[in-house]
Amino acid sequence: MSGSHRAAPGDDARWWATLTPDALEDEIRSNRRSERRLLVVVALVSLAITVAALLLHGGVA
């Protein structure tokens, strides 16, 4: 914590907001998996919309 977010004396914010190295690594892995899933879902939705638009429009001539 730095700057204006620095904990006040006697404040336990640093204690509960700090991740151990193992917990931090686990959180990073979890976020990476979630972001990858989101990217795949967005790509699939985009592909489906593109295919539907091409089919409804009559294809590319």
Protein backbone atom coordinates (compact mmCIF):
# COMPACT_ATOMS: atom_id res chain seq x y z
CA MET A 1 0.00 0.00 0.00
CA SER A 2 1.38 3.35 -0.90
CA GLY A 3 0.45 6.99 -1.18
CA SER A 4 -3.02 7.92 0.00
CA HIS A 5 -3.91 4.25 0.47
CA ARG A 6 -1.31 3.74 3.15
CA ALA A 7 -2.70 2.14 6.30
CA ALA A 8 -3.06 4.34 9.36
CA PRO A 9 -1.21 3.35 12.53
CA GLY A 10 -3.14 0.56 14.20
CA ASP A 11 -5.09 -0.21 11.03
CA ASP A 12 -5.08 -3.89 10.15
CA ALA A 13 -5.76 -3.27 6.42
CA ARG A 14 -2.28 -4.43 5.52
CA TRP A 15 -2.82 -7.68 7.35
CA TRP A 16 -6.01 -8.79 5.59
CA ALA A 17 -5.16 -7.28 2.18
CA THR A 18 -1.82 -9.05 1.79
CA LEU A 19 -1.64 -12.32 -0.12
CA THR A 20 1.01 -14.90 0.56
CA PRO A 21 3.20 -15.72 -2.45
CA ASP A 22 1.35 -19.04 -2.95
CA ALA A 23 -2.07 -17.37 -2.74
CA LEU A 24 -0.96 -14.65 -5.15
CA GLU A 25 0.30 -17.24 -7.64
CA ASP A 26 -3.00 -19.12 -7.34
CA GLU A 27 -4.97 -15.89 -7.91
CA ILE A 28 -2.91 -15.07 -11.02
CA ARG A 29 -3.51 -18.59 -12.43
CA SER A 30 -7.23 -18.32 -11.74
CA ASN A 31 -7.47 -14.91 -13.40
CA ARG A 32 -5.55 -16.17 -16.42
CA ARG A 33 -8.00 -19.08 -16.84
CA SER A 34 -11.00 -16.78 -16.52
CA GLU A 35 -9.61 -14.31 -19.05
CA ARG A 36 -8.86 -17.11 -21.50
CA ARG A 37 -12.42 -18.47 -21.16
CA LEU A 38 -13.88 -15.01 -21.67
CA LEU A 39 -11.76 -14.48 -24.79
CA VAL A 40 -12.90 -17.81 -26.27
CA VAL A 41 -16.57 -17.05 -25.54
CA VAL A 42 -16.32 -13.58 -27.10
CA ALA A 43 -14.60 -15.04 -30.18
CA LEU A 44 -17.29 -17.70 -30.57
CA VAL A 45 -20.11 -15.18 -30.22
CA SER A 46 -18.39 -12.91 -32.73
CA LEU A 47 -18.00 -15.80 -35.17
CA ALA A 48 -21.66 -16.79 -34.78
CA ILE A 49 -22.85 -13.22 -35.40
CA THR A 50 -20.60 -12.92 -38.46
CA VAL A 51 -21.83 -16.21 -39.93
CA ALA A 52 -25.47 -15.28 -39.26
CA ALA A 53 -25.00 -11.86 -40.88
CA LEU A 54 -23.38 -13.42 -43.97
CA LEU A 55 -26.12 -16.03 -44.29
CA LEU A 56 -28.91 -13.48 -43.86
CA HIS A 57 -27.29 -11.02 -46.24
CA GLY A 58 -26.87 -13.66 -48.93
CA GLY A 59 -23.17 -14.25 -48.58
CA VAL A 60 -20.26 -12.37 -50.09
CA ALA A 61 -20.49 -11.97 -53.86
